[in-house]
PDB file of N, CA and C in Angstrom:
ATOM      1  N   UNK A   1      40.432 -31.799   6.529  1.00  0.00           N
ATOM      2  CA  UNK A   1      39.533 -32.930   6.887  1.00  0.00           C
ATOM      3  C   UNK A   1      38.752 -32.304   8.074  1.00  0.00           C
ATOM      4  N   UNK A   2      39.145 -31.503   8.939  1.00  0.00           N
ATOM      5  CA  UNK A   2      38.279 -30.773  10.014  1.00  0.00           C
ATOM      6  C   UNK A   2      37.223 -29.972   9.534  1.00  0.00           C
ATOM      7  N   UNK A   3      37.420 -29.362   8.428  1.00  0.00           N
ATOM      8  CA  UNK A   3      36.394 -28.620   7.462  1.00  0.00           C
ATOM      9  C   UNK A   3      35.198 -29.440   7.150  1.00  0.00           C
ATOM     10  N   UNK A   4      35.381 -30.637   6.456  1.00  0.00           N
ATOM     11  CA  UNK A   4      34.496 -31.576   6.252  1.00  0.00           C
ATOM     12  C   UNK A   4      33.673 -32.026   7.604  1.00  0.00           C
ATOM     13  N   UNK A   5      34.276 -32.479   8.589  1.00  0.00           N
ATOM     14  CA  UNK A   5      33.808 -32.784   9.767  1.00  0.00           C
ATOM     15  C   UNK A   5      32.960 -31.811  10.377  1.00  0.00           C
ATOM     16  N   UNK A   6      33.394 -30.492  10.458  1.00  0.00           N
ATOM     17  CA  UNK A   6      32.683 -29.506  10.952  1.00  0.00           C
ATOM     18  C   UNK A   6      31.458 -29.286  10.162  1.00  0.00           C
ATOM     19  N   UNK A   7      31.514 -29.260   8.837  1.00  0.00           N
ATOM     20  CA  UNK A   7      30.565 -29.030   7.732  1.00  0.00           C
ATOM     21  C   UNK A   7      29.391 -30.097   8.013  1.00  0.00           C
ATOM     22  N   UNK A   8      29.757 -31.365   8.291  1.00  0.00           N
ATOM     23  CA  UNK A   8      28.683 -32.402   8.530  1.00  0.00           C
ATOM     24  C   UNK A   8      28.161 -31.860   9.838  1.00  0.00           C
ATOM     25  N   UNK A   9      28.734 -31.634  10.944  1.00  0.00           N
ATOM     26  CA  UNK A   9      28.060 -31.228  12.168  1.00  0.00           C
ATOM     27  C   UNK A   9      26.905 -30.076  11.951  1.00  0.00           C
ATOM     28  N   UNK A  10      27.334 -29.194  11.043  1.00  0.00           N
ATOM     29  CA  UNK A  10      26.408 -28.132  10.910  1.00  0.00           C
ATOM     30  C   UNK A  10      25.297 -28.568   9.954  1.00  0.00           C
ATOM     31  N   UNK A  11      25.523 -29.326   9.060  1.00  0.00           N
ATOM     32  CA  UNK A  11      24.436 -29.868   8.076  1.00  0.00           C
ATOM     33  C   UNK A  11      23.395 -30.518   9.106  1.00  0.00           C
ATOM     34  N   UNK A  12      23.817 -31.272  10.164  1.00  0.00           N
ATOM     35  CA  UNK A  12      23.055 -31.999  11.110  1.00  0.00           C
ATOM     36  C   UNK A  12      22.460 -31.047  12.058  1.00  0.00           C
ATOM     37  N   UNK A  13      23.117 -29.984  12.262  1.00  0.00           N
ATOM     38  CA  UNK A  13      22.440 -28.926  13.005  1.00  0.00           C
ATOM     39  C   UNK A  13      21.321 -28.292  12.209  1.00  0.00           C
ATOM     40  N   UNK A  14      21.435 -28.016  11.130  1.00  0.00           N
ATOM     41  CA  UNK A  14      20.409 -27.508  10.270  1.00  0.00           C
ATOM     42  C   UNK A  14      19.317 -28.494  10.089  1.00  0.00           C
ATOM     43  N   UNK A  15      19.600 -29.764   9.871  1.00  0.00           N
ATOM     44  CA  UNK A  15      18.488 -30.824   9.661  1.00  0.00           C
ATOM     45  C   UNK A  15      17.668 -31.005  10.943  1.00  0.00           C
ATOM     46  N   UNK A  16      18.338 -30.861  12.179  1.00  0.00           N
ATOM     47  CA  UNK A  16      17.552 -30.836  13.466  1.00  0.00           C
ATOM     48  C   UNK A  16      16.775 -29.761  13.662  1.00  0.00           C
ATOM     49  N   UNK A  17      17.378 -28.592  13.290  1.00  0.00           N
ATOM     50  CA  UNK A  17      16.497 -27.292  13.359  1.00  0.00           C
ATOM     51  C   UNK A  17      15.291 -27.552  12.574  1.00  0.00           C
ATOM     52  N   UNK A  18      15.446 -27.707  11.244  1.00  0.00           N
ATOM     53  CA  UNK A  18      14.240 -28.102  10.538  1.00  0.00           C
ATOM     54  C   UNK A  18      13.218 -28.907  10.782  1.00  0.00           C
ATOM     55  N   UNK A  19      13.831 -30.047  11.488  1.00  0.00           N
ATOM     56  CA  UNK A  19      12.823 -31.087  12.171  1.00  0.00           C
ATOM     57  C   UNK A  19      11.892 -30.416  13.224  1.00  0.00           C
ATOM     58  N   UNK A  20      12.631 -29.644  14.030  1.00  0.00           N
ATOM     59  CA  UNK A  20      11.890 -28.823  15.010  1.00  0.00           C
ATOM     60  C   UNK A  20      10.833 -28.007  14.536  1.00  0.00           C
ATOM     61  N   UNK A  21      11.201 -27.268  13.475  1.00  0.00           N
ATOM     62  CA  UNK A  21      10.471 -26.171  12.869  1.00  0.00           C
ATOM     63  C   UNK A  21       9.271 -26.869  12.224  1.00  0.00           C
ATOM     64  N   UNK A  22       9.594 -27.908  11.444  1.00  0.00           N
ATOM     65  CA  UNK A  22       8.484 -28.570  10.760  1.00  0.00           C
ATOM     66  C   UNK A  22       7.517 -29.200  11.629  1.00  0.00           C
ATOM     67  N   UNK A  23       7.970 -29.820  12.851  1.00  0.00           N
ATOM     68  CA  UNK A  23       7.123 -30.279  13.913  1.00  0.00           C
ATOM     69  C   UNK A  23       6.188 -29.178  14.550  1.00  0.00           C
ATOM     70  N   UNK A  24       6.746 -28.027  14.756  1.00  0.00           N
ATOM     71  CA  UNK A  24       6.027 -26.686  15.327  1.00  0.00           C
ATOM     72  C   UNK A  24       4.987 -26.297  14.254  1.00  0.00           C
ATOM     73  N   UNK A  25       5.338 -26.398  12.945  1.00  0.00           N
ATOM     74  CA  UNK A  25       4.324 -25.975  11.995  1.00  0.00           C
ATOM     75  C   UNK A  25       3.087 -27.141  11.811  1.00  0.00           C
ATOM     76  N   UNK A  26       3.508 -28.349  12.026  1.00  0.00           N
ATOM     77  CA  UNK A  26       2.628 -29.531  12.002  1.00  0.00           C
ATOM     78  C   UNK A  26       1.714 -29.359  13.446  1.00  0.00           C
ATOM     79  N   UNK A  27       2.179 -29.139  14.273  1.00  0.00           N
ATOM     80  CA  UNK A  27       1.285 -28.926  15.589  1.00  0.00           C
ATOM     81  C   UNK A  27       0.317 -27.937  15.454  1.00  0.00           C
ATOM     82  N   UNK A  28       0.744 -26.759  14.775  1.00  0.00           N
ATOM     83  CA  UNK A  28      -0.355 -25.580  14.780  1.00  0.00           C
ATOM     84  C   UNK A  28      -1.440 -26.010  13.703  1.00  0.00           C
ATOM     85  N   UNK A  29      -1.243 -27.143  13.025  1.00  0.00           N
ATOM     86  CA  UNK A  29      -2.442 -27.280  12.101  1.00  0.00           C
ATOM     87  C   UNK A  29      -3.216 -28.525  12.583  1.00  0.00           C
ATOM     88  N   UNK A  30      -2.966 -29.021  13.771  1.00  0.00           N
ATOM     89  CA  UNK A  30      -3.624 -30.294  14.278  1.00  0.00           C
ATOM     90  C   UNK A  30      -5.203 -29.943  14.604  1.00  0.00           C
ATOM     91  N   UNK A  31      -5.861 -30.880  14.455  1.00  0.00           N
ATOM     92  CA  UNK A  31      -7.169 -30.753  14.908  1.00  0.00           C
ATOM     93  C   UNK A  31      -7.254 -30.756  16.365  1.00  0.00           C
ATOM     94  N   UNK A  32      -7.915 -29.805  16.953  1.00  0.00           N
ATOM     95  CA  UNK A  32      -7.960 -29.496  18.508  1.00  0.00           C
ATOM     96  C   UNK A  32      -8.654 -30.656  19.241  1.00  0.00           C
ATOM     97  N   UNK A  33      -8.006 -31.393  19.975  1.00  0.00           N
ATOM     98  CA  UNK A  33      -8.497 -32.457  20.944  1.00  0.00           C
ATOM     99  C   UNK A  33      -7.621 -32.399  21.981  1.00  0.00           C
ATOM    100  N   UNK A  34      -8.200 -32.881  23.146  1.00  0.00           N
ATOM    101  CA  UNK A  34      -7.470 -32.968  24.291  1.00  0.00           C
ATOM    102  C   UNK A  34      -6.120 -33.718  24.249  1.00  0.00           C
ATOM    103  N   UNK A  35      -6.287 -34.990  23.514  1.00  0.00           N
ATOM    104  CA  UNK A  35      -4.957 -35.758  23.501  1.00  0.00           C
ATOM    105  C   UNK A  35      -4.147 -35.061  22.523  1.00  0.00           C
ATOM    106  N   UNK A  36      -4.580 -34.421  21.391  1.00  0.00           N
ATOM    107  CA  UNK A  36      -3.595 -33.747  20.433  1.00  0.00           C
ATOM    108  C   UNK A  36      -2.909 -32.496  21.033  1.00  0.00           C
ATOM    109  N   UNK A  37      -3.653 -31.977  21.952  1.00  0.00           N
ATOM    110  CA  UNK A  37      -2.979 -30.687  22.591  1.00  0.00           C
ATOM    111  C   UNK A  37      -1.956 -31.146  23.689  1.00  0.00           C
ATOM    112  N   UNK A  38      -2.222 -32.165  24.318  1.00  0.00           N
ATOM    113  CA  UNK A  38      -1.233 -32.682  25.286  1.00  0.00           C
ATOM    114  C   UNK A  38      -0.173 -33.413  24.655  1.00  0.00           C
ATOM    115  N   UNK A  39      -0.242 -34.163  23.503  1.00  0.00           N
ATOM    116  CA  UNK A  39       0.796 -34.910  22.921  1.00  0.00           C
ATOM    117  C   UNK A  39       1.520 -33.871  22.211  1.00  0.00           C
ATOM    118  N   UNK A  40       0.960 -32.769  21.701  1.00  0.00           N
ATOM    119  CA  UNK A  40       1.674 -31.852  20.799  1.00  0.00           C
ATOM    120  C   UNK A  40       2.562 -31.029  21.708  1.00  0.00           C
ATOM    121  N   UNK A  41       2.121 -30.782  23.006  1.00  0.00           N
ATOM    122  CA  UNK A  41       3.110 -30.054  23.910  1.00  0.00           C
ATOM    123  C   UNK A  41       4.450 -30.930  24.096  1.00  0.00           C
ATOM    124  N   UNK A  42       4.153 -32.126  24.225  1.00  0.00           N
ATOM    125  CA  UNK A  42       5.281 -33.130  24.564  1.00  0.00           C
ATOM    126  C   UNK A  42       6.174 -33.163  23.242  1.00  0.00           C
ATOM    127  N   UNK A  43       5.507 -33.148  22.115  1.00  0.00           N
ATOM    128  CA  UNK A  43       6.205 -33.366  20.802  1.00  0.00           C
ATOM    129  C   UNK A  43       7.059 -32.189  20.428  1.00  0.00           C
ATOM    130  N   UNK A  44       6.316 -30.955  20.854  1.00  0.00           N
ATOM    131  CA  UNK A  44       7.012 -29.752  20.752  1.00  0.00           C
ATOM    132  C   UNK A  44       8.447 -29.681  21.563  1.00  0.00           C
ATOM    133  N   UNK A  45       8.383 -30.031  22.867  1.00  0.00           N
ATOM    134  CA  UNK A  45       9.546 -30.175  23.690  1.00  0.00           C
ATOM    135  C   UNK A  45      10.572 -30.955  23.145  1.00  0.00           C
ATOM    136  N   UNK A  46      10.071 -32.244  22.891  1.00  0.00           N
ATOM    137  CA  UNK A  46      11.093 -33.227  22.480  1.00  0.00           C
ATOM    138  C   UNK A  46      11.914 -32.954  21.086  1.00  0.00           C
ATOM    139  N   UNK A  47      11.052 -32.457  20.224  1.00  0.00           N
ATOM    140  CA  UNK A  47      11.671 -32.262  18.902  1.00  0.00           C
ATOM    141  C   UNK A  47      12.646 -30.933  19.180  1.00  0.00           C
ATOM    142  N   UNK A  48      12.173 -29.979  19.954  1.00  0.00           N
ATOM    143  CA  UNK A  48      13.155 -28.899  20.002  1.00  0.00           C
ATOM    144  C   UNK A  48      14.437 -29.313  20.798  1.00  0.00           C
ATOM    145  N   UNK A  49      14.217 -30.252  21.724  1.00  0.00           N
ATOM    146  CA  UNK A  49      15.455 -30.707  22.465  1.00  0.00           C
ATOM    147  C   UNK A  49      16.294 -31.477  21.595  1.00  0.00           C
ATOM    148  N   UNK A  50      15.884 -32.112  20.508  1.00  0.00           N
ATOM    149  CA  UNK A  50      16.833 -32.768  19.553  1.00  0.00           C
ATOM    150  C   UNK A  50      17.686 -31.834  18.994  1.00  0.00           C
ATOM    151  N   UNK A  51      17.314 -30.678  18.533  1.00  0.00           N
ATOM    152  CA  UNK A  51      17.955 -29.637  17.869  1.00  0.00           C
ATOM    153  C   UNK A  51      19.093 -28.865  18.860  1.00  0.00           C
ATOM    154  N   UNK A  52      18.385 -28.559  20.135  1.00  0.00           N
ATOM    155  CA  UNK A  52      19.338 -27.991  21.050  1.00  0.00           C
ATOM    156  C   UNK A  52      20.287 -28.647  21.696  1.00  0.00           C
ATOM    157  N   UNK A  53      20.187 -29.967  21.895  1.00  0.00           N
ATOM    158  CA  UNK A  53      21.227 -30.790  22.342  1.00  0.00           C
ATOM    159  C   UNK A  53      22.208 -31.104  21.469  1.00  0.00           C
ATOM    160  N   UNK A  54      21.858 -31.164  20.108  1.00  0.00           N
ATOM    161  CA  UNK A  54      22.861 -31.329  18.938  1.00  0.00           C
ATOM    162  C   UNK A  54      23.876 -30.022  19.039  1.00  0.00           C
ATOM    163  N   UNK A  55      23.237 -28.954  19.152  1.00  0.00           N
ATOM    164  CA  UNK A  55      24.081 -27.699  19.032  1.00  0.00           C
ATOM    165  C   UNK A  55      24.886 -27.626  20.437  1.00  0.00           C
ATOM    166  N   UNK A  56      24.481 -28.207  21.513  1.00  0.00           N
ATOM    167  CA  UNK A  56      25.138 -28.157  22.673  1.00  0.00           C
ATOM    168  C   UNK A  56      26.372 -29.268  22.486  1.00  0.00           C
ATOM    169  N   UNK A  57      26.099 -30.535  21.737  1.00  0.00           N
ATOM    170  CA  UNK A  57      26.976 -31.414  21.600  1.00  0.00           C
ATOM    171  C   UNK A  57      28.250 -30.780  20.841  1.00  0.00           C
ATOM    172  N   UNK A  58      27.748 -30.111  19.795  1.00  0.00           N
ATOM    173  CA  UNK A  58      28.965 -29.400  18.977  1.00  0.00           C
ATOM    174  C   UNK A  58      29.803 -28.396  19.725  1.00  0.00           C
ATOM    175  N   UNK A  59      29.291 -27.832  20.820  1.00  0.00           N
ATOM    176  CA  UNK A  59      29.988 -26.999  21.625  1.00  0.00           C
ATOM    177  C   UNK A  59      30.664 -27.462  22.863  1.00  0.00           C
ATOM    178  N   UNK A  60      30.596 -28.777  22.922  1.00  0.00           N
ATOM    179  CA  UNK A  60      30.789 -29.620  24.143  1.00  0.00           C
ATOM    180  C   UNK A  60      32.420 -29.408  24.561  1.00  0.00           C
ATOM    181  N   UNK A  61      32.758 -29.495  25.569  1.00  0.00           N
ATOM    182  CA  UNK A  61      34.201 -29.349  26.087  1.00  0.00           C
ATOM    183  C   UNK A  61      35.104 -30.614  26.136  1.00  0.00           C
ATOM    184  N   UNK A  62      34.367 -31.762  25.984  1.00  0.00           N
ATOM    185  CA  UNK A  62      35.068 -33.104  25.789  1.00  0.00           C
ATOM    186  C   UNK A  62      34.476 -34.169  24.926  1.00  0.00           C
ATOM    187  N   UNK A  63      35.104 -35.157  24.616  1.00  0.00           N
ATOM    188  CA  UNK A  63      34.448 -36.163  23.844  1.00  0.00           C
ATOM    189  C   UNK A  63      33.232 -36.987  24.671  1.00  0.00           C
ATOM    190  N   UNK A  64      33.536 -36.933  25.929  1.00  0.00           N
ATOM    191  CA  UNK A  64      32.546 -37.659  26.770  1.00  0.00           C
ATOM    192  C   UNK A  64      31.167 -36.859  26.673  1.00  0.00           C
ATOM    193  N   UNK A  65      31.377 -35.597  26.919  1.00  0.00           N
ATOM    194  CA  UNK A  65      30.179 -34.612  26.847  1.00  0.00           C
ATOM    195  C   UNK A  65      29.523 -34.840  25.662  1.00  0.00           C
ATOM    196  N   UNK A  66      30.171 -34.724  24.564  1.00  0.00           N
ATOM    197  CA  UNK A  66      29.762 -34.701  23.251  1.00  0.00           C
ATOM    198  C   UNK A  66      28.940 -35.994  22.917  1.00  0.00           C
ATOM    199  N   UNK A  67      29.339 -37.110  23.374  1.00  0.00           N
ATOM    200  CA  UNK A  67      28.621 -38.328  23.023  1.00  0.00           C
ATOM    201  C   UNK A  67      27.391 -38.474  24.081  1.00  0.00           C
ATOM    202  N   UNK A  68      27.670 -37.839  25.205  1.00  0.00           N
ATOM    203  CA  UNK A  68      26.367 -37.818  26.175  1.00  0.00           C
ATOM    204  C   UNK A  68      25.294 -36.929  25.564  1.00  0.00           C
ATOM    205  N   UNK A  69      25.719 -35.799  24.899  1.00  0.00           N
ATOM    206  CA  UNK A  69      24.739 -34.961  24.262  1.00  0.00           C
ATOM    207  C   UNK A  69      23.939 -35.754  23.123  1.00  0.00           C
ATOM    208  N   UNK A  70      24.890 -36.249  22.402  1.00  0.00           N
ATOM    209  CA  UNK A  70      24.339 -37.212  21.154  1.00  0.00           C
ATOM    210  C   UNK A  70      23.364 -38.348  21.650  1.00  0.00           C
ATOM    211  N   UNK A  71      23.723 -39.016  22.583  1.00  0.00           N
ATOM    212  CA  UNK A  71      22.666 -39.956  23.268  1.00  0.00           C
ATOM    213  C   UNK A  71      21.327 -39.244  23.665  1.00  0.00           C
ATOM    214  N   UNK A  72      21.379 -38.151  24.152  1.00  0.00           N
ATOM    215  CA  UNK A  72      20.304 -37.375  24.392  1.00  0.00           C
ATOM    216  C   UNK A  72      19.500 -37.138  23.239  1.00  0.00           C
ATOM    217  N   UNK A  73      20.160 -36.571  22.326  1.00  0.00           N
ATOM    218  CA  UNK A  73      19.499 -36.424  20.962  1.00  0.00           C
ATOM    219  C   UNK A  73      18.741 -37.591  20.379  1.00  0.00           C
ATOM    220  N   UNK A  74      19.399 -38.864  20.431  1.00  0.00           N
ATOM    221  CA  UNK A  74      18.748 -40.093  20.120  1.00  0.00           C
ATOM    222  C   UNK A  74      17.626 -40.345  20.879  1.00  0.00           C
ATOM    223  N   UNK A  75      17.607 -40.067  22.150  1.00  0.00           N
ATOM    224  CA  UNK A  75      16.378 -40.313  23.196  1.00  0.00           C
ATOM    225  C   UNK A  75      15.325 -39.435  22.811  1.00  0.00           C
ATOM    226  N   UNK A  76      15.559 -38.199  22.584  1.00  0.00           N
ATOM    227  CA  UNK A  76      14.548 -37.191  22.184  1.00  0.00           C
ATOM    228  C   UNK A  76      13.941 -37.482  20.906  1.00  0.00           C
ATOM    229  N   UNK A  77      14.846 -37.991  19.955  1.00  0.00           N
ATOM    230  CA  UNK A  77      14.216 -38.167  18.721  1.00  0.00           C
ATOM    231  C   UNK A  77      13.315 -39.440  18.774  1.00  0.00           C
ATOM    232  N   UNK A  78      13.650 -40.375  19.509  1.00  0.00           N
ATOM    233  CA  UNK A  78      12.850 -41.569  19.875  1.00  0.00           C
ATOM    234  C   UNK A  78      11.453 -41.086  20.505  1.00  0.00           C
ATOM    235  N   UNK A  79      11.513 -40.101  21.355  1.00  0.00           N
ATOM    236  CA  UNK A  79      10.514 -39.665  22.169  1.00  0.00           C
ATOM    237  C   UNK A  79       9.400 -38.839  21.085  1.00  0.00           C
ATOM    238  N   UNK A  80      10.142 -38.117  20.272  1.00  0.00           N
ATOM    239  CA  UNK A  80       9.378 -37.391  19.205  1.00  0.00           C
ATOM    240  C   UNK A  80       8.597 -38.358  18.374  1.00  0.00           C
ATOM    241  N   UNK A  81       9.102 -39.268  18.068  1.00  0.00           N
ATOM    242  CA  UNK A  81       8.552 -40.518  17.201  1.00  0.00           C
ATOM    243  C   UNK A  81       7.329 -40.961  17.858  1.00  0.00           C
ATOM    244  N   UNK A  82       7.539 -41.271  19.190  1.00  0.00           N
ATOM    245  CA  UNK A  82       6.305 -41.619  20.059  1.00  0.00           C
ATOM    246  C   UNK A  82       5.125 -40.810  19.959  1.00  0.00           C
ATOM    247  N   UNK A  83       5.458 -39.467  20.178  1.00  0.00           N
ATOM    248  CA  UNK A  83       4.344 -38.503  20.177  1.00  0.00           C
ATOM    249  C   UNK A  83       3.686 -38.438  18.861  1.00  0.00           C
ATOM    250  N   UNK A  84       4.436 -38.529  17.863  1.00  0.00           N
ATOM    251  CA  UNK A  84       4.048 -38.550  16.442  1.00  0.00           C
ATOM    252  C   UNK A  84       2.929 -39.409  16.164  1.00  0.00           C
ATOM    253  N   UNK A  85       3.386 -40.702  16.720  1.00  0.00           N
ATOM    254  CA  UNK A  85       2.614 -41.854  16.579  1.00  0.00           C
ATOM    255  C   UNK A  85       1.179 -41.817  17.400  1.00  0.00           C
ATOM    256  N   UNK A  86       1.156 -41.154  18.449  1.00  0.00           N
ATOM    257  CA  UNK A  86       0.089 -41.167  19.272  1.00  0.00           C
ATOM    258  C   UNK A  86      -0.818 -39.917  18.694  1.00  0.00           C
ATOM    259  N   UNK A  87      -0.254 -39.043  18.158  1.00  0.00           N
ATOM    260  CA  UNK A  87      -1.183 -37.975  17.683  1.00  0.00           C
ATOM    261  C   UNK A  87      -2.174 -38.367  16.487  1.00  0.00           C
ATOM    262  N   UNK A  88      -3.497 -38.018  16.811  1.00  0.00           N
ATOM    263  CA  UNK A  88      -4.557 -38.346  15.880  1.00  0.00           C
ATOM    264  C   UNK A  88      -4.465 -37.278  14.706  1.00  0.00           C
ATOM    265  N   UNK A  89      -3.731 -37.911  13.684  1.00  0.00           N
ATOM    266  CA  UNK A  89      -3.835 -37.113  12.382  1.00  0.00           C
ATOM    267  C   UNK A  89      -3.295 -38.001  11.304  1.00  0.00           C
ATOM    268  N   UNK A  90      -4.114 -38.024  10.191  1.00  0.00           N
ATOM    269  CA  UNK A  90      -3.698 -39.056   9.029  1.00  0.00           C
ATOM    270  C   UNK A  90      -3.126 -38.125   7.845  1.00  0.00           C
ATOM    271  N   UNK A  91      -2.181 -37.145   8.206  1.00  0.00           N
ATOM    272  CA  UNK A  91      -1.676 -36.288   7.193  1.00  0.00           C
ATOM    273  C   UNK A  91      -0.232 -36.899   6.710  1.00  0.00           C
ATOM    274  N   UNK A  92       0.006 -36.664   5.472  1.00  0.00           N
ATOM    275  CA  UNK A  92       1.254 -36.988   4.891  1.00  0.00           C
ATOM    276  C   UNK A  92       2.531 -36.505   5.799  1.00  0.00           C
ATOM    277  N   UNK A  93       2.195 -35.248   6.368  1.00  0.00           N
ATOM    278  CA  UNK A  93       3.333 -34.679   6.967  1.00  0.00           C
ATOM    279  C   UNK A  93       3.627 -35.397   8.320  1.00  0.00           C
ATOM    280  N   UNK A  94       2.717 -36.197   8.953  1.00  0.00           N
ATOM    281  CA  UNK A  94       2.808 -36.932   9.919  1.00  0.00           C
ATOM    282  C   UNK A  94       3.709 -38.066   9.643  1.00  0.00           C
ATOM    283  N   UNK A  95       3.509 -38.786   8.688  1.00  0.00           N
ATOM    284  CA  UNK A  95       4.344 -39.840   8.220  1.00  0.00           C
ATOM    285  C   UNK A  95       5.769 -39.327   7.877  1.00  0.00           C
ATOM    286  N   UNK A  96       5.800 -38.231   7.349  1.00  0.00           N
ATOM    287  CA  UNK A  96       7.215 -37.630   6.864  1.00  0.00           C
ATOM    288  C   UNK A  96       7.996 -37.439   8.163  1.00  0.00           C
ATOM    289  N   UNK A  97       7.284 -36.842   9.288  1.00  0.00           N
ATOM    290  CA  UNK A  97       8.071 -36.537  10.490  1.00  0.00           C
ATOM    291  C   UNK A  97       8.287 -37.657  11.305  1.00  0.00           C
ATOM    292  N   UNK A  98       7.509 -38.688  11.131  1.00  0.00           N
ATOM    293  CA  UNK A  98       7.968 -40.131  11.828  1.00  0.00           C
ATOM    294  C   UNK A  98       9.071 -40.738  11.201  1.00  0.00           C
ATOM    295  N   UNK A  99       9.276 -40.646   9.789  1.00  0.00           N
ATOM    296  CA  UNK A  99      10.337 -41.080   9.093  1.00  0.00           C
ATOM    297  C   UNK A  99      11.629 -40.229   9.487  1.00  0.00           C
ATOM    298  N   UNK A 100      11.490 -38.971   9.562  1.00  0.00           N
ATOM    299  CA  UNK A 100      12.689 -38.074   9.860  1.00  0.00           C
ATOM    300  C   UNK A 100      13.141 -38.480  11.290  1.00  0.00           C
ATOM    301  N   UNK A 101      12.190 -38.573  12.154  1.00  0.00           N
ATOM    302  CA  UNK A 101      12.590 -38.998  13.605  1.00  0.00           C
ATOM    303  C   UNK A 101      13.370 -40.213  13.558  1.00  0.00           C
ATOM    304  N   UNK A 102      12.904 -41.158  12.856  1.00  0.00           N
ATOM    305  CA  UNK A 102      13.488 -42.504  12.806  1.00  0.00           C
ATOM    306  C   UNK A 102      14.926 -42.520  12.225  1.00  0.00           C
ATOM    307  N   UNK A 103      14.942 -41.561  11.043  1.00  0.00           N
ATOM    308  CA  UNK A 103      16.266 -41.419  10.534  1.00  0.00           C
ATOM    309  C   UNK A 103      17.354 -40.801  11.489  1.00  0.00           C
ATOM    310  N   UNK A 104      16.741 -39.659  12.243  1.00  0.00           N
ATOM    311  CA  UNK A 104      17.688 -38.955  13.235  1.00  0.00           C
ATOM    312  C   UNK A 104      18.189 -40.058  14.219  1.00  0.00           C
ATOM    313  N   UNK A 105      17.096 -40.799  14.683  1.00  0.00           N
ATOM    314  CA  UNK A 105      17.603 -41.791  15.661  1.00  0.00           C
ATOM    315  C   UNK A 105      18.654 -42.671  15.300  1.00  0.00           C
ATOM    316  N   UNK A 106      18.546 -43.179  13.784  1.00  0.00           N
ATOM    317  CA  UNK A 106      19.620 -44.034  13.293  1.00  0.00           C
ATOM    318  C   UNK A 106      20.885 -43.139  13.238  1.00  0.00           C
ATOM    319  N   UNK A 107      20.848 -42.071  12.655  1.00  0.00           N
ATOM    320  CA  UNK A 107      22.166 -41.219  12.611  1.00  0.00           C
ATOM    321  C   UNK A 107      22.925 -41.206  13.806  1.00  0.00           C
ATOM    322  N   UNK A 108      22.029 -40.528  14.823  1.00  0.00           N
ATOM    323  CA  UNK A 108      22.696 -40.323  16.244  1.00  0.00           C
ATOM    324  C   UNK A 108      23.201 -41.852  16.773  1.00  0.00           C
ATOM    325  N   UNK A 109      22.425 -42.842  16.799  1.00  0.00           N
ATOM    326  CA  UNK A 109      22.848 -44.184  16.946  1.00  0.00           C
ATOM    327  C   UNK A 109      24.123 -44.722  16.287  1.00  0.00           C
ATOM    328  N   UNK A 110      24.325 -44.266  15.095  1.00  0.00           N
ATOM    329  CA  UNK A 110      25.443 -44.586  14.339  1.00  0.00           C
ATOM    330  C   UNK A 110      26.754 -43.800  15.006  1.00  0.00           C
ATOM    331  N   UNK A 111      26.581 -42.550  15.367  1.00  0.00           N
ATOM    332  CA  UNK A 111      27.469 -41.642  15.951  1.00  0.00           C
ATOM    333  C   UNK A 111      28.002 -42.282  17.408  1.00  0.00           C
ATOM    334  N   UNK A 112      26.870 -42.854  17.998  1.00  0.00           N
ATOM    335  CA  UNK A 112      27.296 -43.437  19.230  1.00  0.00           C
ATOM    336  C   UNK A 112      28.063 -44.826  19.064  1.00  0.00           C
ATOM    337  N   UNK A 113      27.597 -45.620  18.185  1.00  0.00           N
ATOM    338  CA  UNK A 113      28.192 -46.824  18.033  1.00  0.00           C
ATOM    339  C   UNK A 113      29.599 -46.834  17.490  1.00  0.00           C
ATOM    340  N   UNK A 114      29.960 -45.733  16.538  1.00  0.00           N
ATOM    341  CA  UNK A 114      31.282 -45.532  16.232  1.00  0.00           C
ATOM    342  C   UNK A 114      32.156 -45.128  17.361  1.00  0.00           C
ATOM    343  N   UNK A 115      31.618 -44.499  18.380  1.00  0.00           N
ATOM    344  CA  UNK A 115      32.384 -44.116  19.479  1.00  0.00           C
ATOM    345  C   UNK A 115      32.736 -45.357  20.425  1.00  0.00           C
ATOM    346  N   UNK A 116      31.798 -46.419  20.556  1.00  0.00           N
ATOM    347  CA  UNK A 116      31.845 -47.425  21.437  1.00  0.00           C
ATOM    348  C   UNK A 116      32.596 -48.778  20.957  1.00  0.00           C
ATOM    349  N   UNK A 117      33.027 -48.647  19.526  1.00  0.00           N
ATOM    350  CA  UNK A 117      33.527 -49.935  19.096  1.00  0.00           C
ATOM    351  C   UNK A 117      34.856 -50.085  19.792  1.00  0.00           C
ATOM    352  N   UNK A 118      35.376 -51.397  20.133  1.00  0.00           N
ATOM    353  CA  UNK A 118      36.601 -51.415  20.637  1.00  0.00           C
ATOM    354  C   UNK A 118      37.846 -51.312  19.851  1.00  0.00           C
TER     355      UNK A 118
END
């Protein structure tokens, strides 16, 4: 059973890594404008933070620390979605990344909700 649980953790680690990587690739192709440059910087940080905090969650020392890191992941995914919506690009990639950020928010929210049920 723990192998399955750990497997899911690492699948989500890979998924968050791929999200951050796709965001980086998306940013490099953005039209250069002042707002895209500034929003792109914020987006790069928040998308990378989703992945980094999930890795830290899996290496946490306690359940409390784990859930705190997962909450940070949800917050950073939500922030990533904001920056993606503010960036001036009408590409399919933008829509796909917004959808992925939203899905990650729901996944992390579900993990948190399962922990807080009485």
